[in-house]
C-alpha atoms as a PDB file:
ATOM      1  CA  UNK A   1    -111.962-124.596  52.937  1.00  0.00           C
ATOM      2  CA  UNK A   2    -110.079-125.265  49.674  1.00  0.00           C
ATOM      3  CA  UNK A   3    -112.174-127.635  47.543  1.00  0.00           C
ATOM      4  CA  UNK A   4    -109.020-129.105  45.970  1.00  0.00           C
ATOM      5  CA  UNK A   5    -107.828-130.438  49.319  1.00  0.00           C
ATOM      6  CA  UNK A   6    -109.570-133.209  51.205  1.00  0.00           C
ATOM      7  CA  UNK A   7    -111.299-132.192  54.400  1.00  0.00           C
ATOM      8  CA  UNK A   8    -109.498-133.172  57.602  1.00  0.00           C
ATOM      9  CA  UNK A   9    -110.835-136.310  59.248  1.00  0.00           C
ATOM     10  CA  UNK A  10    -112.088-134.334  62.257  1.00  0.00           C
ATOM     11  CA  UNK A  11    -114.256-132.170  59.983  1.00  0.00           C
ATOM     12  CA  UNK A  12    -115.895-135.331  58.630  1.00  0.00           C
ATOM     13  CA  UNK A  13    -116.651-136.672  62.107  1.00  0.00           C
ATOM     14  CA  UNK A  14    -113.855-139.238  61.909  1.00  0.00           C
ATOM     15  CA  UNK A  15    -111.042-139.783  64.382  1.00  0.00           C
ATOM     16  CA  UNK A  16    -107.677-138.278  63.442  1.00  0.00           C
ATOM     17  CA  UNK A  17    -104.958-140.824  62.812  1.00  0.00           C
ATOM     18  CA  UNK A  18    -101.538-140.270  64.294  1.00  0.00           C
ATOM     19  CA  UNK A  19    -100.238-143.810  64.467  1.00  0.00           C
ATOM     20  CA  UNK A  20    -100.388-146.984  62.433  1.00  0.00           C
ATOM     21  CA  UNK A  21     -99.091-150.531  62.429  1.00  0.00           C
ATOM     22  CA  UNK A  22     -96.844-151.205  59.437  1.00  0.00           C
ATOM     23  CA  UNK A  23     -97.047-154.541  57.644  1.00  0.00           C
ATOM     24  CA  UNK A  24     -95.755-155.517  54.239  1.00  0.00           C
ATOM     25  CA  UNK A  25     -98.288-158.294  53.852  1.00  0.00           C
ATOM     26  CA  UNK A  26     -97.113-160.822  51.291  1.00  0.00           C
ATOM     27  CA  UNK A  27     -94.733-158.428  49.535  1.00  0.00           C
ATOM     28  CA  UNK A  28     -90.992-158.934  49.642  1.00  0.00           C
ATOM     29  CA  UNK A  29     -89.251-156.261  51.668  1.00  0.00           C
ATOM     30  CA  UNK A  30     -86.205-155.326  49.637  1.00  0.00           C
ATOM     31  CA  UNK A  31     -84.187-152.127  49.822  1.00  0.00           C
ATOM     32  CA  UNK A  32     -85.479-149.567  47.352  1.00  0.00           C
ATOM     33  CA  UNK A  33     -89.031-150.921  47.121  1.00  0.00           C
ATOM     34  CA  UNK A  34     -91.659-148.211  46.660  1.00  0.00           C
ATOM     35  CA  UNK A  35     -93.397-149.182  49.888  1.00  0.00           C
ATOM     36  CA  UNK A  36     -90.421-147.747  51.829  1.00  0.00           C
ATOM     37  CA  UNK A  37     -91.111-144.435  50.101  1.00  0.00           C
ATOM     38  CA  UNK A  38     -94.690-144.648  51.353  1.00  0.00           C
ATOM     39  CA  UNK A  39     -93.423-145.403  54.861  1.00  0.00           C
ATOM     40  CA  UNK A  40     -91.040-142.437  54.686  1.00  0.00           C
ATOM     41  CA  UNK A  41     -93.924-140.196  53.633  1.00  0.00           C
ATOM     42  CA  UNK A  42     -96.047-141.386  56.537  1.00  0.00           C
ATOM     43  CA  UNK A  43     -93.231-140.859  59.051  1.00  0.00           C
ATOM     44  CA  UNK A  44     -92.361-137.436  57.584  1.00  0.00           C
ATOM     45  CA  UNK A  45     -96.046-136.546  57.816  1.00  0.00           C
ATOM     46  CA  UNK A  46     -96.025-137.151  61.563  1.00  0.00           C
ATOM     47  CA  UNK A  47     -97.237-140.735  61.815  1.00  0.00           C
ATOM     48  CA  UNK A  48     -95.797-142.897  64.541  1.00  0.00           C
ATOM     49  CA  UNK A  49     -95.382-146.213  62.766  1.00  0.00           C
ATOM     50  CA  UNK A  50     -94.923-149.418  64.740  1.00  0.00           C
ATOM     51  CA  UNK A  51     -93.246-152.346  63.073  1.00  0.00           C
ATOM     52  CA  UNK A  52     -93.659-156.042  63.679  1.00  0.00           C
ATOM     53  CA  UNK A  53     -94.942-156.999  67.156  1.00  0.00           C
ATOM     54  CA  UNK A  54     -95.390-153.335  68.127  1.00  0.00           C
ATOM     55  CA  UNK A  55     -91.680-152.482  68.005  1.00  0.00           C
ATOM     56  CA  UNK A  56     -90.697-149.065  66.718  1.00  0.00           C
ATOM     57  CA  UNK A  57     -89.661-149.196  63.060  1.00  0.00           C
ATOM     58  CA  UNK A  58     -85.998-148.560  62.401  1.00  0.00           C
ATOM     59  CA  UNK A  59     -85.891-146.388  59.324  1.00  0.00           C
ATOM     60  CA  UNK A  60     -82.468-145.929  57.751  1.00  0.00           C
ATOM     61  CA  UNK A  61     -82.693-142.502  56.114  1.00  0.00           C
ATOM     62  CA  UNK A  62     -79.131-142.684  54.781  1.00  0.00           C
ATOM     63  CA  UNK A  63     -79.818-145.949  52.942  1.00  0.00           C
ATOM     64  CA  UNK A  64     -82.981-144.448  51.470  1.00  0.00           C
ATOM     65  CA  UNK A  65     -81.061-141.346  50.367  1.00  0.00           C
ATOM     66  CA  UNK A  66     -78.380-143.506  48.729  1.00  0.00           C
ATOM     67  CA  UNK A  67     -81.080-145.263  46.694  1.00  0.00           C
ATOM     68  CA  UNK A  68     -82.826-142.010  45.791  1.00  0.00           C
ATOM     69  CA  UNK A  69     -79.610-140.539  44.419  1.00  0.00           C
ATOM     70  CA  UNK A  70     -78.569-143.638  42.477  1.00  0.00           C
ATOM     71  CA  UNK A  71     -75.656-144.747  44.624  1.00  0.00           C
ATOM     72  CA  UNK A  72     -76.523-148.401  43.936  1.00  0.00           C
ATOM     73  CA  UNK A  73     -76.397-147.704  40.179  1.00  0.00           C
ATOM     74  CA  UNK A  74     -73.093-145.865  40.581  1.00  0.00           C
ATOM     75  CA  UNK A  75     -71.570-148.808  42.463  1.00  0.00           C
ATOM     76  CA  UNK A  76     -72.842-151.260  39.839  1.00  0.00           C
ATOM     77  CA  UNK A  77     -71.422-149.137  37.016  1.00  0.00           C
ATOM     78  CA  UNK A  78     -68.029-148.909  38.752  1.00  0.00           C
ATOM     79  CA  UNK A  79     -67.965-152.664  39.386  1.00  0.00           C
ATOM     80  CA  UNK A  80     -68.821-153.466  35.761  1.00  0.00           C
ATOM     81  CA  UNK A  81     -66.322-150.924  34.455  1.00  0.00           C
ATOM     82  CA  UNK A  82     -63.524-152.692  36.348  1.00  0.00           C
ATOM     83  CA  UNK A  83     -64.602-156.323  35.899  1.00  0.00           C
ATOM     84  CA  UNK A  84     -66.286-156.467  32.481  1.00  0.00           C
ATOM     85  CA  UNK A  85     -65.936-153.363  30.259  1.00  0.00           C
ATOM     86  CA  UNK A  86     -67.988-154.953  27.456  1.00  0.00           C
ATOM     87  CA  UNK A  87     -70.920-155.634  29.776  1.00  0.00           C
ATOM     88  CA  UNK A  88     -70.510-152.115  31.233  1.00  0.00           C
ATOM     89  CA  UNK A  89     -70.893-150.592  27.773  1.00  0.00           C
ATOM     90  CA  UNK A  90     -73.966-152.732  27.052  1.00  0.00           C
ATOM     91  CA  UNK A  91     -75.698-152.080  30.377  1.00  0.00           C
ATOM     92  CA  UNK A  92     -74.808-148.383  30.572  1.00  0.00           C
ATOM     93  CA  UNK A  93     -75.139-147.454  26.900  1.00  0.00           C
ATOM     94  CA  UNK A  94     -77.809-144.771  27.435  1.00  0.00           C
ATOM     95  CA  UNK A  95     -75.864-143.176  30.287  1.00  0.00           C
ATOM     96  CA  UNK A  96     -72.696-143.222  28.177  1.00  0.00           C
ATOM     97  CA  UNK A  97     -74.556-141.683  25.211  1.00  0.00           C
ATOM     98  CA  UNK A  98     -75.827-138.907  27.509  1.00  0.00           C
ATOM     99  CA  UNK A  99     -72.300-138.277  28.827  1.00  0.00           C
ATOM    100  CA  UNK A 100     -73.081-139.590  32.308  1.00  0.00           C
ATOM    101  CA  UNK A 101     -70.543-141.791  34.036  1.00  0.00           C
ATOM    102  CA  UNK A 102     -70.604-143.211  37.561  1.00  0.00           C
ATOM    103  CA  UNK A 103     -69.161-140.015  39.062  1.00  0.00           C
ATOM    104  CA  UNK A 104     -71.961-137.867  37.580  1.00  0.00           C
ATOM    105  CA  UNK A 105     -74.775-140.161  38.765  1.00  0.00           C
ATOM    106  CA  UNK A 106     -75.581-138.327  42.020  1.00  0.00           C
ATOM    107  CA  UNK A 107     -75.382-134.953  40.261  1.00  0.00           C
ATOM    108  CA  UNK A 108     -77.897-136.158  37.648  1.00  0.00           C
ATOM    109  CA  UNK A 109     -80.363-137.251  40.336  1.00  0.00           C
ATOM    110  CA  UNK A 110     -79.824-134.041  42.337  1.00  0.00           C
ATOM    111  CA  UNK A 111     -80.793-132.020  39.249  1.00  0.00           C
ATOM    112  CA  UNK A 112     -83.863-134.196  38.698  1.00  0.00           C
ATOM    113  CA  UNK A 113     -84.980-133.773  42.318  1.00  0.00           C
ATOM    114  CA  UNK A 114     -84.489-129.998  42.098  1.00  0.00           C
ATOM    115  CA  UNK A 115     -86.717-129.892  39.009  1.00  0.00           C
ATOM    116  CA  UNK A 116     -89.399-131.910  40.789  1.00  0.00           C
ATOM    117  CA  UNK A 117     -89.387-129.823  43.963  1.00  0.00           C
END
């Protein structure tokens, strides 16, 4: 057994977990919160996660992907560019300095994800 990896639960005499009940506790549940990333990891790992009152959780993978690739930032940049160019320049100054506009946002995040994986 690889000492860098934790032993499986069954090897430690514990029951294997394959399901869980998801609760956010007192935290606000807003789109893009890091807890949704944790939920995605659990579901991708094979967990069956029940939501409130035992109902199956409805996970919107497309919404999560949009957040991961900065679509919300792109939309905000486009809105500011049209409605208030001065505010756009102030809020997006580092992107502008790096030569990144709203159209290059997804490409920038794609490159970052490729470097991570």
